Amino acid sequence: MLRTQVATKTPDSVLTDQDGRRFALRDLRGKAVLVSFVYTSCPDVCPVMFHVVTEVQKRVQAEGHGDVASVFVTTDPEIDSPEVLKTFAVRRSVDFSATTLLTGKPDELQAVWSAFGVKVKRLGRGLVDHSPLTVLIDTRGVMRYRYLGGFPQAEIVAADVRKVLKNRATK
């Protein structure tokens, strides 16, 4: 995992959530947000990324920090419809009060991928090569940390989430 500190404003994009509703990251201002780029039929790193991010979220929430959300943006809109995302999440017992899965039209997603620096290349139906990226966004909507690699270390990410939440409390 390559961890990089950044200070980049989050794009003001609108995508479609697992319930078919329009959703913007700005709707989560006031929370620390972990954004990961995954797809539901991924055979390798995506399930690990999904598990680590949801585990970090649970750990930090268990410590009394309720202002943590996770967002998963698909890299395979051809397959990942809102219904597919919902089924995927339900099978993993996702807490929908703090977790959102997003899809959209290819041009909408391309704009989001570009803004976050995610490269996506479709290799075939259900197989996508993409940057294994997770980003931590602070409570003001600014990207603070980028974790590149399919196996983000939960303790490091959790410590960064705590730091972002602590910084909010001191400002």
N, C-alpha and C. Protein backbone atom coordinates (compact mmCIF):
# COMPACT_ATOMS: atom_id res chain seq x y z
N MET A 1 0.85 -1.18 0.00
CA MET A 1 0.00 0.00 0.00
C MET A 1 0.89 1.24 0.00
N LEU A 2 0.62 2.13 -0.92
CA LEU A 2 1.32 3.41 -0.98
C LEU A 2 0.38 4.47 -0.41
N ARG A 3 0.78 5.08 0.69
CA ARG A 3 -0.04 6.10 1.37
C ARG A 3 0.54 7.47 1.06
N THR A 4 -0.30 8.37 0.53
CA THR A 4 0.13 9.71 0.16
C THR A 4 -0.79 10.73 0.80
N GLN A 5 -0.18 11.76 1.41
CA GLN A 5 -0.98 12.88 1.93
C GLN A 5 -1.26 13.84 0.79
N VAL A 6 -2.51 14.32 0.73
CA VAL A 6 -2.91 15.25 -0.32
C VAL A 6 -3.80 16.32 0.30
N ALA A 7 -4.13 17.32 -0.48
CA ALA A 7 -5.08 18.36 -0.05
C ALA A 7 -5.81 18.84 -1.30
N THR A 8 -6.65 17.97 -1.83
CA THR A 8 -7.35 18.23 -3.08
C THR A 8 -8.85 18.28 -2.83
N LYS A 9 -9.50 19.28 -3.38
CA LYS A 9 -10.96 19.38 -3.22
C LYS A 9 -11.64 18.21 -3.92
N THR A 10 -12.66 17.69 -3.28
CA THR A 10 -13.43 16.58 -3.84
C THR A 10 -14.32 17.08 -4.97
N PRO A 11 -14.43 16.32 -6.06
CA PRO A 11 -15.30 16.76 -7.15
C PRO A 11 -16.76 16.81 -6.70
N ASP A 12 -17.49 17.71 -7.31
CA ASP A 12 -18.90 17.90 -6.95
C ASP A 12 -19.79 17.09 -7.88
N SER A 13 -19.46 15.82 -8.04
CA SER A 13 -20.18 14.95 -8.96
C SER A 13 -21.42 14.35 -8.32
N VAL A 14 -22.36 13.98 -9.16
CA VAL A 14 -23.58 13.32 -8.71
C VAL A 14 -23.68 11.98 -9.45
N LEU A 15 -23.83 10.90 -8.68
CA LEU A 15 -23.98 9.56 -9.24
C LEU A 15 -25.28 8.94 -8.73
N THR A 16 -25.48 7.66 -8.98
CA THR A 16 -26.69 6.97 -8.57
C THR A 16 -26.35 5.91 -7.53
N ASP A 17 -27.10 5.91 -6.41
CA ASP A 17 -26.79 4.96 -5.34
C ASP A 17 -27.49 3.62 -5.54
N GLN A 18 -27.27 2.72 -4.59
CA GLN A 18 -27.80 1.36 -4.67
C GLN A 18 -29.33 1.30 -4.64
N ASP A 19 -29.98 2.40 -4.29
CA ASP A 19 -31.44 2.46 -4.29
C ASP A 19 -31.99 3.22 -5.50
N GLY A 20 -31.10 3.60 -6.43
CA GLY A 20 -31.52 4.31 -7.62
C GLY A 20 -31.69 5.80 -7.43
N ARG A 21 -31.27 6.31 -6.25
CA ARG A 21 -31.38 7.75 -5.98
C ARG A 21 -30.10 8.46 -6.38
N ARG A 22 -30.22 9.73 -6.73
CA ARG A 22 -29.05 10.54 -7.05
C ARG A 22 -28.33 10.89 -5.75
N PHE A 23 -27.01 10.88 -5.79
CA PHE A 23 -26.21 11.04 -4.59
C PHE A 23 -24.96 11.84 -4.93
N ALA A 24 -24.63 12.81 -4.08
CA ALA A 24 -23.41 13.61 -4.25
C ALA A 24 -22.54 13.47 -3.01
N LEU A 25 -21.23 13.42 -3.19
CA LEU A 25 -20.33 13.33 -2.04
C LEU A 25 -20.52 14.51 -1.09
N ARG A 26 -20.90 15.67 -1.62
CA ARG A 26 -21.11 16.83 -0.75
C ARG A 26 -22.19 16.57 0.29
N ASP A 27 -23.06 15.59 0.02
CA ASP A 27 -24.10 15.23 1.00
C ASP A 27 -23.50 14.67 2.29
N LEU A 28 -22.23 14.29 2.25
CA LEU A 28 -21.58 13.71 3.42
C LEU A 28 -20.67 14.70 4.14
N ARG A 29 -20.72 15.98 3.78
CA ARG A 29 -19.90 16.98 4.49
C ARG A 29 -20.21 16.89 5.98
N GLY A 30 -19.18 17.05 6.79
CA GLY A 30 -19.33 16.91 8.23
C GLY A 30 -18.90 15.53 8.71
N LYS A 31 -18.65 14.62 7.77
CA LYS A 31 -18.20 13.26 8.10
C LYS A 31 -16.84 13.02 7.47
N ALA A 32 -16.07 12.12 8.07
CA ALA A 32 -14.89 11.58 7.41
C ALA A 32 -15.42 10.51 6.46
N VAL A 33 -14.94 10.52 5.22
CA VAL A 33 -15.48 9.61 4.21
C VAL A 33 -14.34 8.83 3.55
N LEU A 34 -14.49 7.52 3.53
CA LEU A 34 -13.57 6.65 2.80
C LEU A 34 -14.23 6.29 1.47
N VAL A 35 -13.56 6.63 0.37
CA VAL A 35 -14.08 6.33 -0.96
C VAL A 35 -13.16 5.30 -1.60
N SER A 36 -13.75 4.19 -2.05
CA SER A 36 -12.99 3.14 -2.74
C SER A 36 -13.59 2.88 -4.10
N PHE A 37 -12.75 2.46 -5.02
CA PHE A 37 -13.17 2.17 -6.38
C PHE A 37 -13.07 0.66 -6.59
N VAL A 38 -14.23 0.03 -6.75
CA VAL A 38 -14.33 -1.43 -6.82
C VAL A 38 -15.39 -1.83 -7.85
N TYR A 39 -15.50 -3.12 -8.10
CA TYR A 39 -16.64 -3.61 -8.88
C TYR A 39 -17.05 -4.97 -8.33
N THR A 40 -18.33 -5.27 -8.44
CA THR A 40 -18.91 -6.41 -7.72
C THR A 40 -18.45 -7.77 -8.22
N SER A 41 -18.06 -7.89 -9.48
CA SER A 41 -17.62 -9.19 -9.99
C SER A 41 -16.11 -9.35 -9.96
N CYS A 42 -15.43 -8.46 -9.29
CA CYS A 42 -13.96 -8.48 -9.20
C CYS A 42 -13.49 -9.78 -8.54
N PRO A 43 -12.54 -10.48 -9.18
CA PRO A 43 -12.07 -11.75 -8.62
C PRO A 43 -10.89 -11.64 -7.66
N ASP A 44 -10.35 -10.43 -7.46
CA ASP A 44 -9.15 -10.38 -6.63
C ASP A 44 -9.15 -9.28 -5.57
N VAL A 45 -8.66 -8.08 -5.85
CA VAL A 45 -8.43 -7.09 -4.79
C VAL A 45 -9.67 -6.37 -4.29
N CYS A 46 -10.69 -6.23 -5.10
CA CYS A 46 -11.88 -5.47 -4.67
C CYS A 46 -12.54 -6.03 -3.41
N PRO A 47 -12.73 -7.35 -3.29
CA PRO A 47 -13.32 -7.85 -2.05
C PRO A 47 -12.49 -7.52 -0.81
N VAL A 48 -11.17 -7.53 -0.96
CA VAL A 48 -10.29 -7.19 0.16
C VAL A 48 -10.44 -5.71 0.50
N MET A 49 -10.45 -4.85 -0.52
CA MET A 49 -10.62 -3.42 -0.28
C MET A 49 -11.96 -3.15 0.39
N PHE A 50 -13.01 -3.80 -0.09
CA PHE A 50 -14.35 -3.62 0.49
C PHE A 50 -14.33 -4.02 1.96
N HIS A 51 -13.73 -5.15 2.26
CA HIS A 51 -13.67 -5.64 3.64
C HIS A 51 -12.88 -4.68 4.53
N VAL A 52 -11.71 -4.26 4.08
CA VAL A 52 -10.86 -3.38 4.90
C VAL A 52 -11.57 -2.06 5.19
N VAL A 53 -12.16 -1.45 4.18
CA VAL A 53 -12.83 -0.16 4.39
C VAL A 53 -14.01 -0.31 5.35
N THR A 54 -14.82 -1.33 5.17
CA THR A 54 -15.96 -1.50 6.09
C THR A 54 -15.47 -1.86 7.49
N GLU A 55 -14.38 -2.58 7.60
CA GLU A 55 -13.81 -2.91 8.91
C GLU A 55 -13.28 -1.65 9.61
N VAL A 56 -12.58 -0.80 8.89
CA VAL A 56 -12.10 0.47 9.45
C VAL A 56 -13.29 1.30 9.94
N GLN A 57 -14.30 1.39 9.12
CA GLN A 57 -15.49 2.16 9.49
C GLN A 57 -16.10 1.61 10.79
N LYS A 58 -16.26 0.30 10.89
CA LYS A 58 -16.83 -0.31 12.10
C LYS A 58 -15.97 -0.04 13.33
N ARG A 59 -14.65 -0.18 13.17
CA ARG A 59 -13.73 0.04 14.30
C ARG A 59 -13.84 1.47 14.84
N VAL A 60 -13.78 2.42 13.93
CA VAL A 60 -13.80 3.83 14.35
C VAL A 60 -15.17 4.19 14.93
N GLN A 61 -16.23 3.66 14.36
CA GLN A 61 -17.57 3.91 14.91
C GLN A 61 -17.71 3.28 16.30
N ALA A 62 -17.12 2.11 16.51
CA ALA A 62 -17.18 1.44 17.81
C ALA A 62 -16.47 2.26 18.89
N GLU A 63 -15.55 3.11 18.48
CA GLU A 63 -14.84 3.99 19.42
C GLU A 63 -15.65 5.24 19.73
N GLY A 64 -16.84 5.33 19.17
CA GLY A 64 -17.70 6.48 19.45
C GLY A 64 -17.69 7.56 18.40
N HIS A 65 -17.03 7.30 17.28
CA HIS A 65 -16.99 8.27 16.18
C HIS A 65 -18.06 7.89 15.16
N GLY A 66 -19.23 8.49 15.27
CA GLY A 66 -20.31 8.17 14.36
C GLY A 66 -20.23 8.88 13.03
N ASP A 67 -19.32 9.84 12.93
CA ASP A 67 -19.24 10.66 11.73
C ASP A 67 -18.27 10.08 10.70
N VAL A 68 -18.45 8.80 10.39
CA VAL A 68 -17.61 8.12 9.41
C VAL A 68 -18.52 7.43 8.40
N ALA A 69 -18.24 7.64 7.13
CA ALA A 69 -19.03 7.01 6.07
C ALA A 69 -18.09 6.34 5.08
N SER A 70 -18.60 5.34 4.40
CA SER A 70 -17.83 4.73 3.32
C SER A 70 -18.66 4.76 2.04
N VAL A 71 -17.96 5.01 0.95
CA VAL A 71 -18.58 5.10 -0.37
C VAL A 71 -17.76 4.22 -1.31
N PHE A 72 -18.47 3.39 -2.06
CA PHE A 72 -17.82 2.52 -3.04
C PHE A 72 -18.34 2.90 -4.42
N VAL A 73 -17.42 3.30 -5.29
CA VAL A 73 -17.77 3.73 -6.64
C VAL A 73 -17.38 2.60 -7.60
N THR A 74 -18.33 2.15 -8.40
CA THR A 74 -18.04 1.05 -9.32
C THR A 74 -17.08 1.48 -10.43
N THR A 75 -16.32 0.51 -10.88
CA THR A 75 -15.50 0.70 -12.07
C THR A 75 -16.07 -0.13 -13.23
N ASP A 76 -17.25 -0.71 -13.02
CA ASP A 76 -17.89 -1.53 -14.05
C ASP A 76 -19.38 -1.22 -14.16
N PRO A 77 -19.72 -0.06 -14.73
CA PRO A 77 -21.14 0.32 -14.80
C PRO A 77 -21.97 -0.58 -15.72
N GLU A 78 -21.32 -1.31 -16.61
CA GLU A 78 -22.06 -2.21 -17.50
C GLU A 78 -22.78 -3.30 -16.69
N ILE A 79 -22.16 -3.77 -15.65
CA ILE A 79 -22.75 -4.82 -14.80
C ILE A 79 -23.34 -4.25 -13.52
N ASP A 80 -22.67 -3.30 -12.92
CA ASP A 80 -23.06 -2.81 -11.59
C ASP A 80 -24.19 -1.78 -11.63
N SER A 81 -25.39 -2.27 -11.83
CA SER A 81 -26.60 -1.45 -11.75
C SER A 81 -26.91 -1.20 -10.28
N PRO A 82 -27.82 -0.29 -9.96
CA PRO A 82 -28.21 -0.11 -8.55
C PRO A 82 -28.66 -1.43 -7.91
N GLU A 83 -29.41 -2.24 -8.64
CA GLU A 83 -29.90 -3.50 -8.09
C GLU A 83 -28.75 -4.46 -7.77
N VAL A 84 -27.78 -4.55 -8.67
CA VAL A 84 -26.62 -5.42 -8.45
C VAL A 84 -25.83 -4.93 -7.24
N LEU A 85 -25.63 -3.62 -7.14
CA LEU A 85 -24.91 -3.06 -5.99
C LEU A 85 -25.65 -3.37 -4.69
N LYS A 86 -26.95 -3.22 -4.69
CA LYS A 86 -27.75 -3.47 -3.49
C LYS A 86 -27.63 -4.93 -3.06
N THR A 87 -27.77 -5.85 -4.00
CA THR A 87 -27.66 -7.28 -3.69
C THR A 87 -26.27 -7.60 -3.14
N PHE A 88 -25.25 -7.06 -3.77
CA PHE A 88 -23.87 -7.25 -3.33
C PHE A 88 -23.71 -6.81 -1.88
N ALA A 89 -24.23 -5.64 -1.56
CA ALA A 89 -24.09 -5.08 -0.22
C ALA A 89 -24.91 -5.85 0.81
N VAL A 90 -26.12 -6.22 0.46
CA VAL A 90 -26.98 -6.97 1.39
C VAL A 90 -26.32 -8.30 1.75
N ARG A 91 -25.71 -8.96 0.78
CA ARG A 91 -25.02 -10.23 1.04
C ARG A 91 -23.85 -10.06 1.99
N ARG A 92 -23.35 -8.85 2.10
CA ARG A 92 -22.23 -8.57 3.00
C ARG A 92 -22.67 -7.85 4.27
N SER A 93 -23.96 -7.82 4.51
CA SER A 93 -24.54 -7.22 5.73
C SER A 93 -24.09 -5.78 5.93
N VAL A 94 -24.11 -5.01 4.87
CA VAL A 94 -23.68 -3.61 4.92
C VAL A 94 -24.67 -2.77 5.73
N ASP A 95 -24.12 -1.85 6.50
CA ASP A 95 -24.93 -0.87 7.24
C ASP A 95 -25.19 0.31 6.30
N PHE A 96 -26.39 0.35 5.72
CA PHE A 96 -26.70 1.38 4.73
C PHE A 96 -26.83 2.77 5.34
N SER A 97 -26.85 2.89 6.65
CA SER A 97 -26.91 4.22 7.24
C SER A 97 -25.56 4.93 7.13
N ALA A 98 -24.49 4.15 6.87
CA ALA A 98 -23.16 4.74 6.80
C ALA A 98 -22.38 4.31 5.57
N THR A 99 -23.00 3.53 4.70
CA THR A 99 -22.31 3.01 3.51
C THR A 99 -23.17 3.22 2.28
N THR A 100 -22.54 3.70 1.22
CA THR A 100 -23.24 3.95 -0.04
C THR A 100 -22.43 3.33 -1.18
N LEU A 101 -23.12 2.67 -2.08
CA LEU A 101 -22.50 2.13 -3.29
C LEU A 101 -23.03 2.92 -4.47
N LEU A 102 -22.12 3.31 -5.37
CA LEU A 102 -22.50 4.22 -6.45
C LEU A 102 -22.19 3.66 -7.83
N THR A 103 -23.07 3.97 -8.75
CA THR A 103 -22.88 3.68 -10.16
C THR A 103 -23.34 4.92 -10.94
N GLY A 104 -23.37 4.82 -12.23
CA GLY A 104 -23.82 5.94 -13.03
C GLY A 104 -23.61 5.68 -14.50
N LYS A 105 -23.87 6.69 -15.28
CA LYS A 105 -23.61 6.60 -16.71
C LYS A 105 -22.10 6.62 -16.91
N PRO A 106 -21.61 5.98 -17.98
CA PRO A 106 -20.16 5.94 -18.20
C PRO A 106 -19.49 7.31 -18.16
N ASP A 107 -20.11 8.34 -18.75
CA ASP A 107 -19.47 9.66 -18.76
C ASP A 107 -19.44 10.27 -17.35
N GLU A 108 -20.47 10.02 -16.55
CA GLU A 108 -20.48 10.51 -15.16
C GLU A 108 -19.37 9.84 -14.35
N LEU A 109 -19.26 8.53 -14.51
CA LEU A 109 -18.23 7.80 -13.78
C LEU A 109 -16.84 8.18 -14.26
N GLN A 110 -16.67 8.36 -15.55
CA GLN A 110 -15.36 8.75 -16.09
C GLN A 110 -14.90 10.06 -15.46
N ALA A 111 -15.81 11.00 -15.29
CA ALA A 111 -15.46 12.29 -14.66
C ALA A 111 -15.00 12.08 -13.22
N VAL A 112 -15.68 11.20 -12.50
CA VAL A 112 -15.29 10.91 -11.11
C VAL A 112 -13.95 10.19 -11.07
N TRP A 113 -13.80 9.16 -11.90
CA TRP A 113 -12.53 8.43 -11.93
C TRP A 113 -11.38 9.39 -12.23
N SER A 114 -11.56 10.26 -13.20
CA SER A 114 -10.50 11.22 -13.56
C SER A 114 -10.18 12.16 -12.41
N ALA A 115 -11.21 12.66 -11.74
CA ALA A 115 -11.00 13.59 -10.63
C ALA A 115 -10.22 12.95 -9.49
N PHE A 116 -10.41 11.66 -9.29
CA PHE A 116 -9.71 10.95 -8.22
C PHE A 116 -8.40 10.32 -8.70
N GLY A 117 -8.15 10.35 -10.01
CA GLY A 117 -6.93 9.76 -10.55
C GLY A 117 -7.00 8.25 -10.71
N VAL A 118 -8.19 7.73 -10.96
CA VAL A 118 -8.38 6.28 -11.12
C VAL A 118 -8.37 5.95 -12.61
N LYS A 119 -7.51 5.02 -12.98
CA LYS A 119 -7.46 4.53 -14.36
C LYS A 119 -8.32 3.27 -14.45
N VAL A 120 -9.16 3.20 -15.48
CA VAL A 120 -10.06 2.07 -15.66
C VAL A 120 -9.93 1.55 -17.09
N LYS A 121 -9.73 0.23 -17.21
CA LYS A 121 -9.65 -0.39 -18.53
C LYS A 121 -10.47 -1.67 -18.51
N ARG A 122 -11.48 -1.70 -19.33
CA ARG A 122 -12.35 -2.88 -19.43
C ARG A 122 -11.62 -3.96 -20.23
N LEU A 123 -11.47 -5.15 -19.64
CA LEU A 123 -10.78 -6.25 -20.31
C LEU A 123 -11.75 -7.23 -20.95
N GLY A 124 -12.98 -7.21 -20.51
CA GLY A 124 -14.01 -8.12 -21.00
C GLY A 124 -15.19 -8.03 -20.07
N ARG A 125 -16.27 -8.69 -20.41
CA ARG A 125 -17.46 -8.63 -19.56
C ARG A 125 -17.13 -9.16 -18.17
N GLY A 126 -17.34 -8.31 -17.16
CA GLY A 126 -17.10 -8.71 -15.78
C GLY A 126 -15.65 -8.69 -15.36
N LEU A 127 -14.77 -8.17 -16.19
CA LEU A 127 -13.35 -8.11 -15.84
C LEU A 127 -12.81 -6.72 -16.19
N VAL A 128 -12.38 -6.00 -15.16
CA VAL A 128 -11.93 -4.61 -15.32
C VAL A 128 -10.59 -4.43 -14.61
N ASP A 129 -9.64 -3.86 -15.31
CA ASP A 129 -8.37 -3.48 -14.70
C ASP A 129 -8.53 -2.03 -14.25
N HIS A 130 -8.28 -1.77 -12.96
CA HIS A 130 -8.44 -0.40 -12.46
C HIS A 130 -7.45 -0.13 -11.34
N SER A 131 -7.21 1.15 -11.10
CA SER A 131 -6.35 1.56 -9.99
C SER A 131 -7.01 1.13 -8.68
N PRO A 132 -6.31 0.35 -7.85
CA PRO A 132 -6.88 -0.06 -6.57
C PRO A 132 -6.70 1.07 -5.55
N LEU A 133 -7.64 1.99 -5.55
CA LEU A 133 -7.49 3.22 -4.78
C LEU A 133 -8.59 3.38 -3.73
N THR A 134 -8.16 3.81 -2.55
CA THR A 134 -9.07 4.26 -1.50
C THR A 134 -8.60 5.66 -1.12
N VAL A 135 -9.55 6.56 -0.90
CA VAL A 135 -9.23 7.95 -0.56
C VAL A 135 -9.98 8.31 0.72
N LEU A 136 -9.30 9.02 1.62
CA LEU A 136 -9.94 9.56 2.82
C LEU A 136 -10.22 11.04 2.60
N ILE A 137 -11.49 11.39 2.73
CA ILE A 137 -11.94 12.78 2.57
C ILE A 137 -12.29 13.33 3.95
N ASP A 138 -11.83 14.55 4.24
CA ASP A 138 -12.11 15.12 5.56
C ASP A 138 -13.53 15.67 5.64
N THR A 139 -13.85 16.22 6.79
CA THR A 139 -15.22 16.68 7.07
C THR A 139 -15.62 17.91 6.25
N ARG A 140 -14.64 18.55 5.61
CA ARG A 140 -14.92 19.72 4.76
C ARG A 140 -14.94 19.37 3.27
N GLY A 141 -14.79 18.09 2.96
CA GLY A 141 -14.84 17.67 1.57
C GLY A 141 -13.52 17.76 0.84
N VAL A 142 -12.41 17.70 1.58
CA VAL A 142 -11.08 17.77 0.98
C VAL A 142 -10.41 16.39 1.10
N MET A 143 -9.88 15.90 -0.02
CA MET A 143 -9.13 14.64 0.03
C MET A 143 -7.88 14.86 0.87
N ARG A 144 -7.64 13.99 1.84
CA ARG A 144 -6.48 14.13 2.72
C ARG A 144 -5.45 13.02 2.54
N TYR A 145 -5.91 11.80 2.29
CA TYR A 145 -4.99 10.67 2.11
C TYR A 145 -5.46 9.81 0.95
N ARG A 146 -4.47 9.33 0.19
CA ARG A 146 -4.72 8.36 -0.88
C ARG A 146 -3.98 7.09 -0.52
N TYR A 147 -4.66 5.96 -0.64
CA TYR A 147 -4.07 4.65 -0.37
C TYR A 147 -4.14 3.86 -1.66
N LEU A 148 -3.00 3.70 -2.31
CA LEU A 148 -2.96 3.00 -3.59
C LEU A 148 -2.43 1.60 -3.35
N GLY A 149 -3.19 0.63 -3.77
CA GLY A 149 -2.84 -0.77 -3.58
C GLY A 149 -4.06 -1.52 -3.09
N GLY A 150 -4.17 -2.75 -3.47
CA GLY A 150 -5.36 -3.52 -3.15
C GLY A 150 -5.49 -3.96 -1.72
N PHE A 151 -4.46 -3.74 -0.93
CA PHE A 151 -4.49 -4.22 0.44
C PHE A 151 -4.17 -3.10 1.43
N PRO A 152 -5.09 -2.13 1.56
CA PRO A 152 -4.84 -1.04 2.52
C PRO A 152 -4.75 -1.60 3.93
N GLN A 153 -3.84 -1.06 4.73
CA GLN A 153 -3.65 -1.55 6.10
C GLN A 153 -4.65 -0.86 7.01
N ALA A 154 -5.52 -1.67 7.60
CA ALA A 154 -6.65 -1.16 8.39
C ALA A 154 -6.20 -0.23 9.51
N GLU A 155 -5.16 -0.58 10.23
CA GLU A 155 -4.73 0.25 11.36
C GLU A 155 -4.25 1.63 10.92
N ILE A 156 -3.52 1.68 9.81
CA ILE A 156 -3.04 2.96 9.31
C ILE A 156 -4.21 3.82 8.84
N VAL A 157 -5.13 3.22 8.10
CA VAL A 157 -6.29 3.97 7.61
C VAL A 157 -7.15 4.44 8.79
N ALA A 158 -7.37 3.57 9.77
CA ALA A 158 -8.16 3.95 10.95
C ALA A 158 -7.51 5.11 11.70
N ALA A 159 -6.19 5.08 11.83
CA ALA A 159 -5.48 6.18 12.51
C ALA A 159 -5.66 7.49 11.75
N ASP A 160 -5.63 7.42 10.42
CA ASP A 160 -5.84 8.62 9.62
C ASP A 160 -7.27 9.14 9.76
N VAL A 161 -8.25 8.25 9.82
CA VAL A 161 -9.64 8.67 10.02
C VAL A 161 -9.77 9.38 11.37
N ARG A 162 -9.17 8.80 12.41
CA ARG A 162 -9.22 9.44 13.74
C ARG A 162 -8.58 10.82 13.69
N LYS A 163 -7.46 10.94 12.98
CA LYS A 163 -6.76 12.22 12.86
C LYS A 163 -7.64 13.26 12.17
N VAL A 164 -8.31 12.87 11.09
CA VAL A 164 -9.20 13.78 10.37
C VAL A 164 -10.34 14.23 11.28
N LEU A 165 -10.90 13.31 12.04
CA LEU A 165 -11.99 13.67 12.96
C LEU A 165 -11.50 14.56 14.09
N LYS A 166 -10.30 14.29 14.59
CA LYS A 166 -9.72 15.12 15.65
C LYS A 166 -9.45 16.53 15.15
N ASN A 167 -8.93 16.64 13.93
CA ASN A 167 -8.66 17.96 13.35
C ASN A 167 -9.93 18.77 13.20
N ARG A 168 -11.03 18.11 12.90
CA ARG A 168 -12.31 18.80 12.80
C ARG A 168 -12.69 19.38 14.16
N ALA A 169 -12.44 18.62 15.20
CA ALA A 169 -12.82 19.04 16.55
C ALA A 169 -11.99 20.22 17.05
N THR A 170 -10.79 20.39 16.50
CA THR A 170 -9.92 21.47 16.97
C THR A 170 -10.03 22.73 16.11
N LYS A 171 -10.86 22.71 15.09
CA LYS A 171 -10.97 23.89 14.21
C LYS A 171 -12.24 24.63 14.45
